[in-house]
Structures are given as C-alpha cells and as structure tokens.
Amino acid sequence: MKTSLCQRSSWTYLLAVSSGFIFQANLAHALPTLPAINTNNVMVATDAAYGAVGNGSFINTTAIQNAINDAAMGGQVNGLSGGTVKLSSPGIYLCGPLNLSNYVNLQIDAGAILRMLPMNQYPGGDASPPNFITAVNLHDLAITGSGAMDGQGLPWWKDDETNAAAIRPLMVNFGSCSRVLFQD
C-alpha cells in the first residue's frame, strides 16, 4: 500500500492500485490533517476475545467486525479516542464485508493478508454485493501496515465480461470521510 491522505471533498475519485483492486475515496484540495487515533488501544483480532483465524479458510467477518466495534469504543488516552485493530502475521484472514468506525486504524501487518470471500460465498453475489470495506460520513480512520488486501478479483472480472447485469463490489469505499490515512 502506498501512503495516501484523504480529506473531505466534493470530488470523488476511483483509484486503481497495482494489486488490481479498486477503492473509492474523497480526496482533499488542501493539505490534509492526520487522523487522531489512540494507538495505545490495540485489539489483536486473533486474541481469544475475537477469535480470528488466519488459515485462509475460516470466515473471520464477525471476529474482525467485533474488534473494529471495540476499537471504536476505546477510551481516551492523551486526548485521542478509539484504537487499532491488528491482523497479525503470518495469516490469511478470509472475510466478508466490514464497516469501519470513527477513530479506528485497521493495521494489516507484513505477511498478513485480508482476503475477501470468494464470489460464490460473498453476500449479495454478483447482483447486489456490498463493498468490502466501507466508511461513510466518518472521520479519523486509517488502514496501515505492510500486509496485503486480496479481492480475489479474477472470478469477478470474468463474470463482468459475460454477465452485463453483474455488479462488482469496491474493495475500499470511503465516502464523505475526513482525516483518513492509508500507509504502509
């Protein structure tokens, strides 16, 4: 992931990333402000409280979403709220759609992969699939780490070519968000 800052704007851009997934973000016209997130409050998704398993086959949607919800509820430290959800390495974390919250950093460590469910298991299929990672009208968000996100795009692309009615979900959709950071 390349470093990218996003700030509230009326302009929406679709950005294609070298790994082949697409995400949508509102980009700034002025120099953006870094998100203010409590980095001392860390939710490790593989801890017993959440139960994520990075074996490439266990579906981790509930575990990761619960960690995101808990991170958002994190108390204040030095005037900062929220927390970090950590996906540890090594591991392939198979997952369905996630909704971020204010004051949350989703950290994907080097060697960890957040992998979208395959098309045949994805909620809504190719008719009305929700986006993979969504944040709308939020602030103080981050996706960090040297890990990877895998949208398992090939079946979606092939379906797009043969099925005019098919809809492909966005990998990351940030709509009308402010103080957003993408950094490796």
N, C-alpha and C. Protein backbone atom coordinates (compact mmCIF):
# COMPACT_ATOMS: atom_id res chain seq x y z
N MET A 1 0.83 -1.18 0.00
CA MET A 1 0.00 0.00 0.00
C MET A 1 0.88 1.24 0.00
N LYS A 2 0.54 2.20 -0.82
CA LYS A 2 1.23 3.48 -0.81
C LYS A 2 0.56 4.41 0.18
N THR A 3 1.32 5.32 0.72
CA THR A 3 0.77 6.29 1.64
C THR A 3 -0.14 7.24 0.90
N SER A 4 -1.31 7.49 1.44
CA SER A 4 -2.26 8.40 0.85
C SER A 4 -3.11 9.01 1.95
N LEU A 5 -3.27 10.31 1.91
CA LEU A 5 -4.12 11.01 2.86
C LEU A 5 -5.37 11.48 2.14
N CYS A 6 -6.51 11.37 2.80
CA CYS A 6 -7.76 11.82 2.20
C CYS A 6 -8.46 12.78 3.16
N GLN A 7 -9.05 13.81 2.63
CA GLN A 7 -9.76 14.82 3.41
C GLN A 7 -11.12 15.03 2.75
N ARG A 8 -12.09 15.52 3.49
CA ARG A 8 -13.42 15.74 2.96
C ARG A 8 -13.36 16.62 1.71
N SER A 9 -14.15 16.23 0.73
CA SER A 9 -14.17 16.97 -0.52
C SER A 9 -15.43 16.61 -1.26
N SER A 10 -15.84 17.45 -2.18
CA SER A 10 -16.98 17.12 -3.01
C SER A 10 -16.56 16.29 -4.22
N TRP A 11 -15.28 16.07 -4.40
CA TRP A 11 -14.77 15.30 -5.52
C TRP A 11 -14.60 13.85 -5.11
N THR A 12 -14.99 12.94 -5.95
CA THR A 12 -14.81 11.52 -5.69
C THR A 12 -13.93 10.95 -6.80
N TYR A 13 -12.95 10.16 -6.41
CA TYR A 13 -12.04 9.53 -7.36
C TYR A 13 -12.06 8.02 -7.17
N LEU A 14 -11.95 7.29 -8.25
CA LEU A 14 -11.73 5.86 -8.18
C LEU A 14 -10.25 5.64 -8.45
N LEU A 15 -9.59 4.93 -7.56
CA LEU A 15 -8.15 4.72 -7.69
C LEU A 15 -7.88 3.24 -7.91
N ALA A 16 -7.15 2.92 -8.95
CA ALA A 16 -6.75 1.54 -9.19
C ALA A 16 -5.37 1.35 -8.58
N VAL A 17 -5.21 0.32 -7.81
CA VAL A 17 -3.95 0.03 -7.13
C VAL A 17 -3.28 -1.12 -7.85
N SER A 18 -1.96 -1.18 -7.79
CA SER A 18 -1.21 -2.16 -8.55
C SER A 18 -1.63 -3.59 -8.28
N SER A 19 -2.20 -3.89 -7.11
CA SER A 19 -2.60 -5.26 -6.82
C SER A 19 -3.91 -5.62 -7.52
N GLY A 20 -4.52 -4.68 -8.21
CA GLY A 20 -5.67 -5.00 -9.02
C GLY A 20 -7.01 -4.71 -8.37
N PHE A 21 -7.06 -4.15 -7.18
CA PHE A 21 -8.35 -3.83 -6.61
C PHE A 21 -8.63 -2.35 -6.77
N ILE A 22 -9.88 -2.00 -6.61
CA ILE A 22 -10.30 -0.62 -6.78
C ILE A 22 -10.85 -0.13 -5.46
N PHE A 23 -10.53 1.13 -5.12
CA PHE A 23 -11.18 1.72 -3.97
C PHE A 23 -11.59 3.13 -4.30
N GLN A 24 -12.57 3.61 -3.54
CA GLN A 24 -13.12 4.93 -3.77
C GLN A 24 -12.84 5.78 -2.54
N ALA A 25 -12.40 7.00 -2.74
CA ALA A 25 -12.13 7.90 -1.62
C ALA A 25 -12.39 9.33 -2.04
N ASN A 26 -12.74 10.14 -1.09
CA ASN A 26 -12.87 11.58 -1.34
C ASN A 26 -11.52 12.20 -1.03
N LEU A 27 -10.94 12.90 -1.99
CA LEU A 27 -9.60 13.44 -1.83
C LEU A 27 -9.63 14.94 -1.60
N ALA A 28 -8.62 15.42 -0.92
CA ALA A 28 -8.58 16.81 -0.47
C ALA A 28 -8.10 17.77 -1.55
N HIS A 29 -8.52 19.00 -1.39
CA HIS A 29 -7.99 20.10 -2.18
C HIS A 29 -6.88 20.80 -1.41
N ALA A 30 -6.90 20.69 -0.09
CA ALA A 30 -5.91 21.34 0.77
C ALA A 30 -5.11 20.27 1.50
N LEU A 31 -4.03 20.70 2.12
CA LEU A 31 -3.20 19.78 2.88
C LEU A 31 -4.02 19.11 3.98
N PRO A 32 -4.13 17.80 4.00
CA PRO A 32 -4.99 17.10 4.97
C PRO A 32 -4.36 17.06 6.37
N THR A 33 -5.22 16.83 7.33
CA THR A 33 -4.81 16.66 8.71
C THR A 33 -4.77 15.18 9.02
N LEU A 34 -3.75 14.71 9.70
CA LEU A 34 -3.65 13.30 10.06
C LEU A 34 -4.78 12.91 11.00
N PRO A 35 -5.24 11.66 10.92
CA PRO A 35 -6.28 11.21 11.84
C PRO A 35 -5.76 11.18 13.28
N ALA A 36 -6.66 11.43 14.21
CA ALA A 36 -6.32 11.42 15.64
C ALA A 36 -6.89 10.13 16.23
N ILE A 37 -6.06 9.08 16.29
CA ILE A 37 -6.50 7.77 16.77
C ILE A 37 -5.61 7.34 17.93
N ASN A 38 -6.21 6.81 18.97
CA ASN A 38 -5.49 6.29 20.13
C ASN A 38 -4.77 5.01 19.73
N THR A 39 -3.47 5.07 19.50
CA THR A 39 -2.71 3.89 19.07
C THR A 39 -2.28 3.02 20.24
N ASN A 40 -2.59 3.42 21.47
CA ASN A 40 -2.27 2.61 22.64
C ASN A 40 -3.33 1.55 22.91
N ASN A 41 -4.48 1.66 22.29
CA ASN A 41 -5.58 0.73 22.46
C ASN A 41 -5.59 -0.23 21.27
N VAL A 42 -5.00 -1.42 21.43
CA VAL A 42 -4.82 -2.36 20.31
C VAL A 42 -5.69 -3.60 20.53
N MET A 43 -6.51 -3.89 19.54
CA MET A 43 -7.34 -5.10 19.52
C MET A 43 -6.69 -6.08 18.54
N VAL A 44 -6.11 -7.14 19.05
CA VAL A 44 -5.49 -8.15 18.18
C VAL A 44 -6.60 -9.13 17.80
N ALA A 45 -6.93 -9.18 16.52
CA ALA A 45 -8.08 -9.95 16.06
C ALA A 45 -7.96 -11.44 16.37
N THR A 46 -6.74 -11.95 16.52
CA THR A 46 -6.57 -13.38 16.81
C THR A 46 -6.66 -13.69 18.30
N ASP A 47 -6.74 -12.68 19.16
CA ASP A 47 -6.90 -12.93 20.60
C ASP A 47 -8.22 -13.66 20.85
N ALA A 48 -8.29 -14.37 21.97
CA ALA A 48 -9.47 -15.17 22.32
C ALA A 48 -10.76 -14.34 22.31
N ALA A 49 -10.67 -13.08 22.67
CA ALA A 49 -11.87 -12.23 22.71
C ALA A 49 -12.54 -12.10 21.35
N TYR A 50 -11.78 -12.25 20.26
CA TYR A 50 -12.33 -12.09 18.91
C TYR A 50 -12.30 -13.40 18.12
N GLY A 51 -11.24 -14.17 18.23
CA GLY A 51 -11.17 -15.49 17.63
C GLY A 51 -10.90 -15.57 16.15
N ALA A 52 -10.29 -14.54 15.57
CA ALA A 52 -9.94 -14.62 14.15
C ALA A 52 -8.87 -15.70 13.94
N VAL A 53 -8.97 -16.38 12.81
CA VAL A 53 -8.03 -17.45 12.47
C VAL A 53 -7.49 -17.17 11.07
N GLY A 54 -6.19 -17.05 10.95
CA GLY A 54 -5.56 -16.72 9.67
C GLY A 54 -5.12 -17.92 8.89
N ASN A 55 -6.03 -18.89 8.69
CA ASN A 55 -5.67 -20.11 7.97
C ASN A 55 -6.15 -20.13 6.52
N GLY A 56 -6.78 -19.04 6.07
CA GLY A 56 -7.23 -18.97 4.68
C GLY A 56 -8.56 -19.61 4.40
N SER A 57 -9.16 -20.29 5.39
CA SER A 57 -10.46 -20.92 5.16
C SER A 57 -11.52 -20.53 6.18
N PHE A 58 -11.12 -20.18 7.40
CA PHE A 58 -12.06 -19.75 8.43
C PHE A 58 -12.59 -18.36 8.06
N ILE A 59 -13.90 -18.17 8.16
CA ILE A 59 -14.50 -16.88 7.83
C ILE A 59 -14.46 -15.98 9.07
N ASN A 60 -13.71 -14.89 8.96
CA ASN A 60 -13.40 -14.01 10.09
C ASN A 60 -14.23 -12.73 10.16
N THR A 61 -15.30 -12.64 9.42
CA THR A 61 -16.08 -11.39 9.37
C THR A 61 -16.53 -10.94 10.75
N THR A 62 -17.14 -11.81 11.51
CA THR A 62 -17.65 -11.44 12.84
C THR A 62 -16.51 -11.07 13.77
N ALA A 63 -15.43 -11.83 13.77
CA ALA A 63 -14.29 -11.56 14.66
C ALA A 63 -13.69 -10.18 14.38
N ILE A 64 -13.46 -9.87 13.11
CA ILE A 64 -12.83 -8.59 12.77
C ILE A 64 -13.80 -7.44 13.00
N GLN A 65 -15.07 -7.62 12.65
CA GLN A 65 -16.05 -6.55 12.88
C GLN A 65 -16.20 -6.26 14.37
N ASN A 66 -16.21 -7.31 15.20
CA ASN A 66 -16.28 -7.10 16.66
C ASN A 66 -15.06 -6.34 17.17
N ALA A 67 -13.89 -6.65 16.64
CA ALA A 67 -12.67 -5.92 17.03
C ALA A 67 -12.76 -4.46 16.60
N ILE A 68 -13.30 -4.20 15.42
CA ILE A 68 -13.48 -2.82 14.94
C ILE A 68 -14.44 -2.08 15.88
N ASN A 69 -15.54 -2.72 16.22
CA ASN A 69 -16.52 -2.09 17.11
C ASN A 69 -15.91 -1.77 18.47
N ASP A 70 -15.12 -2.70 19.01
CA ASP A 70 -14.47 -2.47 20.31
C ASP A 70 -13.42 -1.37 20.22
N ALA A 71 -12.66 -1.34 19.13
CA ALA A 71 -11.64 -0.30 18.97
C ALA A 71 -12.30 1.08 18.93
N ALA A 72 -13.44 1.18 18.25
CA ALA A 72 -14.14 2.46 18.16
C ALA A 72 -14.62 2.93 19.53
N MET A 73 -14.90 2.00 20.41
CA MET A 73 -15.39 2.34 21.75
C MET A 73 -14.25 2.58 22.74
N GLY A 74 -13.01 2.44 22.28
CA GLY A 74 -11.85 2.61 23.16
C GLY A 74 -11.84 3.97 23.82
N GLY A 75 -11.41 3.99 25.05
CA GLY A 75 -11.37 5.24 25.81
C GLY A 75 -10.32 6.20 25.30
N GLN A 76 -10.28 7.35 25.91
CA GLN A 76 -9.32 8.38 25.51
C GLN A 76 -8.00 8.22 26.26
N VAL A 77 -6.92 8.42 25.53
CA VAL A 77 -5.57 8.46 26.09
C VAL A 77 -4.89 9.67 25.46
N ASN A 78 -4.40 10.56 26.28
CA ASN A 78 -3.74 11.78 25.79
C ASN A 78 -4.61 12.54 24.79
N GLY A 79 -5.92 12.55 25.04
CA GLY A 79 -6.84 13.29 24.17
C GLY A 79 -7.22 12.58 22.89
N LEU A 80 -6.77 11.34 22.68
CA LEU A 80 -7.08 10.59 21.47
C LEU A 80 -8.07 9.47 21.79
N SER A 81 -9.01 9.22 20.87
CA SER A 81 -10.04 8.20 21.07
C SER A 81 -9.81 7.01 20.16
N GLY A 82 -10.58 5.95 20.40
CA GLY A 82 -10.60 4.79 19.52
C GLY A 82 -9.46 3.82 19.74
N GLY A 83 -9.04 3.16 18.65
CA GLY A 83 -7.98 2.18 18.76
C GLY A 83 -7.62 1.54 17.44
N THR A 84 -6.72 0.58 17.52
CA THR A 84 -6.19 -0.13 16.36
C THR A 84 -6.65 -1.58 16.37
N VAL A 85 -7.09 -2.07 15.22
CA VAL A 85 -7.40 -3.50 15.03
C VAL A 85 -6.23 -4.08 14.27
N LYS A 86 -5.58 -5.06 14.87
CA LYS A 86 -4.36 -5.62 14.30
C LYS A 86 -4.61 -7.02 13.74
N LEU A 87 -4.25 -7.19 12.45
CA LEU A 87 -4.24 -8.52 11.83
C LEU A 87 -2.79 -8.95 11.79
N SER A 88 -2.47 -9.95 12.58
CA SER A 88 -1.09 -10.38 12.78
C SER A 88 -0.60 -11.29 11.65
N SER A 89 0.70 -11.35 11.55
CA SER A 89 1.38 -12.17 10.57
C SER A 89 1.91 -13.43 11.24
N PRO A 90 2.06 -14.53 10.54
CA PRO A 90 1.54 -14.77 9.21
C PRO A 90 0.06 -15.12 9.30
N GLY A 91 -0.65 -14.93 8.24
CA GLY A 91 -2.06 -15.31 8.23
C GLY A 91 -2.79 -14.78 7.03
N ILE A 92 -3.75 -15.58 6.56
CA ILE A 92 -4.68 -15.18 5.51
C ILE A 92 -6.05 -15.16 6.17
N TYR A 93 -6.60 -13.95 6.30
CA TYR A 93 -7.85 -13.74 7.02
C TYR A 93 -8.99 -13.58 6.02
N LEU A 94 -9.70 -14.68 5.77
CA LEU A 94 -10.84 -14.68 4.87
C LEU A 94 -11.98 -13.93 5.53
N CYS A 95 -12.64 -13.04 4.78
CA CYS A 95 -13.57 -12.14 5.43
C CYS A 95 -14.65 -11.65 4.46
N GLY A 96 -15.82 -11.38 5.00
CA GLY A 96 -16.89 -10.73 4.26
C GLY A 96 -16.84 -9.23 4.49
N PRO A 97 -17.90 -8.50 4.12
CA PRO A 97 -17.91 -7.05 4.21
C PRO A 97 -17.71 -6.54 5.64
N LEU A 98 -16.95 -5.44 5.75
CA LEU A 98 -16.66 -4.80 7.04
C LEU A 98 -17.05 -3.33 6.98
N ASN A 99 -17.48 -2.81 8.13
CA ASN A 99 -17.80 -1.39 8.26
C ASN A 99 -16.88 -0.78 9.30
N LEU A 100 -16.09 0.21 8.86
CA LEU A 100 -15.21 0.90 9.79
C LEU A 100 -16.01 1.88 10.63
N SER A 101 -15.38 2.40 11.67
CA SER A 101 -16.00 3.38 12.56
C SER A 101 -15.02 4.52 12.79
N ASN A 102 -15.51 5.61 13.35
CA ASN A 102 -14.66 6.74 13.72
C ASN A 102 -13.54 6.26 14.64
N TYR A 103 -12.38 6.87 14.51
CA TYR A 103 -11.23 6.64 15.40
C TYR A 103 -10.69 5.21 15.34
N VAL A 104 -10.72 4.59 14.16
CA VAL A 104 -10.23 3.21 14.03
C VAL A 104 -9.11 3.14 12.99
N ASN A 105 -8.05 2.42 13.35
CA ASN A 105 -6.96 2.08 12.45
C ASN A 105 -7.00 0.57 12.21
N LEU A 106 -7.19 0.15 10.97
CA LEU A 106 -7.12 -1.26 10.61
C LEU A 106 -5.68 -1.50 10.16
N GLN A 107 -4.92 -2.24 10.98
CA GLN A 107 -3.50 -2.47 10.73
C GLN A 107 -3.29 -3.89 10.24
N ILE A 108 -2.79 -4.02 9.01
CA ILE A 108 -2.52 -5.33 8.41
C ILE A 108 -1.01 -5.50 8.38
N ASP A 109 -0.49 -6.32 9.29
CA ASP A 109 0.95 -6.48 9.43
C ASP A 109 1.57 -7.17 8.21
N ALA A 110 2.86 -6.93 7.99
CA ALA A 110 3.61 -7.58 6.92
C ALA A 110 3.44 -9.09 7.04
N GLY A 111 3.10 -9.75 5.96
CA GLY A 111 2.89 -11.19 5.96
C GLY A 111 1.44 -11.58 6.22
N ALA A 112 0.60 -10.63 6.60
CA ALA A 112 -0.83 -10.89 6.80
C ALA A 112 -1.58 -10.45 5.54
N ILE A 113 -2.65 -11.18 5.22
CA ILE A 113 -3.48 -10.86 4.06
C ILE A 113 -4.94 -10.84 4.51
N LEU A 114 -5.61 -9.73 4.24
CA LEU A 114 -7.05 -9.64 4.44
C LEU A 114 -7.69 -9.98 3.11
N ARG A 115 -8.32 -11.15 3.03
CA ARG A 115 -8.83 -11.68 1.76
C ARG A 115 -10.35 -11.67 1.75
N MET A 116 -10.91 -11.08 0.71
CA MET A 116 -12.35 -11.04 0.52
C MET A 116 -12.87 -12.45 0.23
N LEU A 117 -14.07 -12.75 0.75
CA LEU A 117 -14.69 -14.04 0.44
C LEU A 117 -14.77 -14.24 -1.06
N PRO A 118 -14.70 -15.49 -1.52
CA PRO A 118 -14.85 -15.75 -2.96
C PRO A 118 -16.24 -15.32 -3.44
N MET A 119 -16.34 -15.03 -4.71
CA MET A 119 -17.59 -14.54 -5.29
C MET A 119 -18.77 -15.44 -4.96
N ASN A 120 -18.59 -16.76 -5.00
CA ASN A 120 -19.71 -17.68 -4.75
C ASN A 120 -20.13 -17.73 -3.28
N GLN A 121 -19.36 -17.12 -2.37
CA GLN A 121 -19.72 -17.05 -0.95
C GLN A 121 -20.03 -15.63 -0.50
N TYR A 122 -19.80 -14.67 -1.36
CA TYR A 122 -19.92 -13.26 -0.97
C TYR A 122 -21.40 -12.88 -0.85
N PRO A 123 -21.79 -12.21 0.25
CA PRO A 123 -23.19 -11.79 0.42
C PRO A 123 -23.66 -10.95 -0.77
N GLY A 124 -24.83 -11.24 -1.27
CA GLY A 124 -25.38 -10.50 -2.41
C GLY A 124 -24.92 -11.00 -3.75
N GLY A 125 -23.94 -11.94 -3.76
CA GLY A 125 -23.44 -12.48 -5.02
C GLY A 125 -23.03 -11.39 -5.98
N ASP A 126 -23.34 -11.56 -7.26
CA ASP A 126 -22.98 -10.54 -8.24
C ASP A 126 -24.17 -9.65 -8.59
N ALA A 127 -25.28 -9.81 -7.85
CA ALA A 127 -26.46 -8.99 -8.11
C ALA A 127 -26.48 -7.72 -7.25
N SER A 128 -26.16 -7.85 -5.97
CA SER A 128 -26.17 -6.68 -5.08
C SER A 128 -25.15 -6.84 -3.95
N PRO A 129 -23.88 -7.02 -4.30
CA PRO A 129 -22.87 -7.22 -3.25
C PRO A 129 -22.52 -5.91 -2.54
N PRO A 130 -22.42 -5.92 -1.21
CA PRO A 130 -21.93 -4.72 -0.52
C PRO A 130 -20.43 -4.58 -0.76
N ASN A 131 -19.93 -3.36 -0.61
CA ASN A 131 -18.49 -3.14 -0.75
C ASN A 131 -17.76 -3.85 0.38
N PHE A 132 -16.49 -4.18 0.15
CA PHE A 132 -15.73 -4.98 1.11
C PHE A 132 -15.43 -4.21 2.40
N ILE A 133 -14.78 -3.06 2.30
CA ILE A 133 -14.53 -2.22 3.48
C ILE A 133 -15.20 -0.88 3.22
N THR A 134 -16.12 -0.51 4.12
CA THR A 134 -16.93 0.68 3.92
C THR A 134 -16.79 1.64 5.09
N ALA A 135 -16.71 2.92 4.75
CA ALA A 135 -16.74 4.00 5.74
C ALA A 135 -17.44 5.18 5.07
N VAL A 136 -18.57 5.60 5.61
CA VAL A 136 -19.33 6.70 5.05
C VAL A 136 -19.62 7.72 6.13
N ASN A 137 -19.34 8.98 5.83
CA ASN A 137 -19.57 10.09 6.77
C ASN A 137 -18.85 9.88 8.10
N LEU A 138 -17.61 9.40 8.04
CA LEU A 138 -16.83 9.14 9.24
C LEU A 138 -15.59 10.04 9.25
N HIS A 139 -14.86 9.99 10.35
CA HIS A 139 -13.63 10.77 10.47
C HIS A 139 -12.62 9.99 11.29
N ASP A 140 -11.36 10.37 11.16
CA ASP A 140 -10.25 9.77 11.89
C ASP A 140 -10.20 8.26 11.68
N LEU A 141 -9.81 7.89 10.45
CA LEU A 141 -9.72 6.49 10.03
C LEU A 141 -8.34 6.23 9.45
N ALA A 142 -7.89 4.98 9.55
CA ALA A 142 -6.62 4.61 8.92
C ALA A 142 -6.64 3.14 8.53
N ILE A 143 -5.98 2.85 7.43
CA ILE A 143 -5.64 1.47 7.06
C ILE A 143 -4.13 1.51 6.89
N THR A 144 -3.42 0.78 7.76
CA THR A 144 -1.96 0.84 7.78
C THR A 144 -1.38 -0.57 7.76
N GLY A 145 -0.06 -0.62 7.63
CA GLY A 145 0.67 -1.88 7.67
C GLY A 145 1.19 -2.27 6.31
N SER A 146 2.14 -3.17 6.31
CA SER A 146 2.76 -3.63 5.07
C SER A 146 2.13 -4.91 4.56
N GLY A 147 1.03 -5.32 5.16
CA GLY A 147 0.33 -6.51 4.70
C GLY A 147 -0.40 -6.23 3.40
N ALA A 148 -1.29 -7.14 3.02
CA ALA A 148 -1.98 -7.03 1.74
C ALA A 148 -3.47 -7.22 1.90
N MET A 149 -4.20 -6.72 0.90
CA MET A 149 -5.63 -6.95 0.77
C MET A 149 -5.83 -7.66 -0.56
N ASP A 150 -6.61 -8.72 -0.55
CA ASP A 150 -6.82 -9.52 -1.75
C ASP A 150 -8.32 -9.61 -2.03
N GLY A 151 -8.75 -9.04 -3.15
CA GLY A 151 -10.16 -9.05 -3.52
C GLY A 151 -10.59 -10.27 -4.31
N GLN A 152 -9.68 -11.21 -4.56
CA GLN A 152 -9.99 -12.40 -5.36
C GLN A 152 -10.73 -11.99 -6.64
N GLY A 153 -10.13 -11.07 -7.37
CA GLY A 153 -10.78 -10.41 -8.48
C GLY A 153 -11.06 -11.22 -9.73
N LEU A 154 -10.26 -12.24 -10.04
CA LEU A 154 -10.40 -12.93 -11.31
C LEU A 154 -11.83 -13.43 -11.58
N PRO A 155 -12.50 -14.14 -10.64
CA PRO A 155 -13.87 -14.58 -10.93
C PRO A 155 -14.83 -13.40 -11.16
N TRP A 156 -14.63 -12.30 -10.41
CA TRP A 156 -15.48 -11.12 -10.59
C TRP A 156 -15.27 -10.53 -11.98
N TRP A 157 -14.01 -10.44 -12.43
CA TRP A 157 -13.72 -9.87 -13.74
C TRP A 157 -14.31 -10.73 -14.84
N LYS A 158 -14.16 -12.05 -14.73
CA LYS A 158 -14.71 -12.95 -15.74
C LYS A 158 -16.23 -12.84 -15.78
N ASP A 159 -16.86 -12.73 -14.60
CA ASP A 159 -18.31 -12.59 -14.51
C ASP A 159 -18.75 -11.28 -15.17
N ASP A 160 -17.98 -10.22 -14.96
CA ASP A 160 -18.25 -8.91 -15.56
C ASP A 160 -18.26 -9.01 -17.09
N GLU A 161 -17.33 -9.80 -17.64
CA GLU A 161 -17.21 -9.93 -19.09
C GLU A 161 -18.38 -10.68 -19.71
N THR A 162 -18.97 -11.64 -18.99
CA THR A 162 -20.02 -12.48 -19.55
C THR A 162 -21.42 -12.12 -19.05
N ASN A 163 -21.53 -11.31 -18.00
CA ASN A 163 -22.82 -11.01 -17.41
C ASN A 163 -22.96 -9.49 -17.29
N ALA A 164 -23.72 -8.90 -18.21
CA ALA A 164 -23.86 -7.44 -18.25
C ALA A 164 -24.53 -6.90 -16.98
N ALA A 165 -25.31 -7.71 -16.29
CA ALA A 165 -26.02 -7.25 -15.10
C ALA A 165 -25.18 -7.41 -13.83
N ALA A 166 -24.01 -8.01 -13.95
CA ALA A 166 -23.17 -8.26 -12.78
C ALA A 166 -22.67 -6.96 -12.17
N ILE A 167 -22.60 -6.95 -10.85
CA ILE A 167 -22.07 -5.81 -10.11
C ILE A 167 -20.91 -6.32 -9.27
N ARG A 168 -19.79 -5.60 -9.33
CA ARG A 168 -18.61 -5.97 -8.57
C ARG A 168 -18.47 -5.00 -7.40
N PRO A 169 -18.23 -5.51 -6.18
CA PRO A 169 -18.07 -4.59 -5.04
C PRO A 169 -16.73 -3.86 -5.10
N LEU A 170 -16.69 -2.66 -4.52
CA LEU A 170 -15.42 -1.95 -4.37
C LEU A 170 -14.66 -2.60 -3.23
N MET A 171 -13.36 -2.61 -3.32
CA MET A 171 -12.53 -3.16 -2.25
C MET A 171 -12.60 -2.26 -1.02
N VAL A 172 -12.41 -0.96 -1.21
CA VAL A 172 -12.48 0.02 -0.13
C VAL A 172 -13.32 1.18 -0.61
N ASN A 173 -14.34 1.54 0.14
CA ASN A 173 -15.21 2.66 -0.21
C ASN A 173 -15.30 3.62 0.96
N PHE A 174 -14.61 4.75 0.84
CA PHE A 174 -14.69 5.82 1.85
C PHE A 174 -15.48 6.95 1.21
N GLY A 175 -16.67 7.22 1.71
CA GLY A 175 -17.50 8.29 1.17
C GLY A 175 -17.68 9.40 2.19
N SER A 176 -17.35 10.62 1.81
CA SER A 176 -17.50 11.80 2.66
C SER A 176 -16.84 11.62 4.02
N CYS A 177 -15.63 11.09 4.01
CA CYS A 177 -14.85 10.89 5.24
C CYS A 177 -13.78 11.96 5.34
N SER A 178 -13.39 12.27 6.56
CA SER A 178 -12.30 13.23 6.75
C SER A 178 -11.24 12.64 7.65
N ARG A 179 -10.03 13.14 7.51
CA ARG A 179 -8.86 12.69 8.24
C ARG A 179 -8.69 11.17 8.12
N VAL A 180 -8.36 10.75 6.88
CA VAL A 180 -8.18 9.34 6.54
C VAL A 180 -6.74 9.13 6.11
N LEU A 181 -6.13 8.02 6.54
CA LEU A 181 -4.74 7.72 6.21
C LEU A 181 -4.64 6.30 5.68
N PHE A 182 -3.97 6.15 4.52
CA PHE A 182 -3.57 4.84 4.01
C PHE A 182 -2.05 4.85 4.03
N GLN A 183 -1.44 3.93 4.76
CA GLN A 183 0.02 3.98 4.89
C GLN A 183 0.58 2.57 5.11
N ASP A 184 1.75 2.32 4.48
CA ASP A 184 2.44 1.06 4.76
C ASP A 184 3.71 1.35 5.51
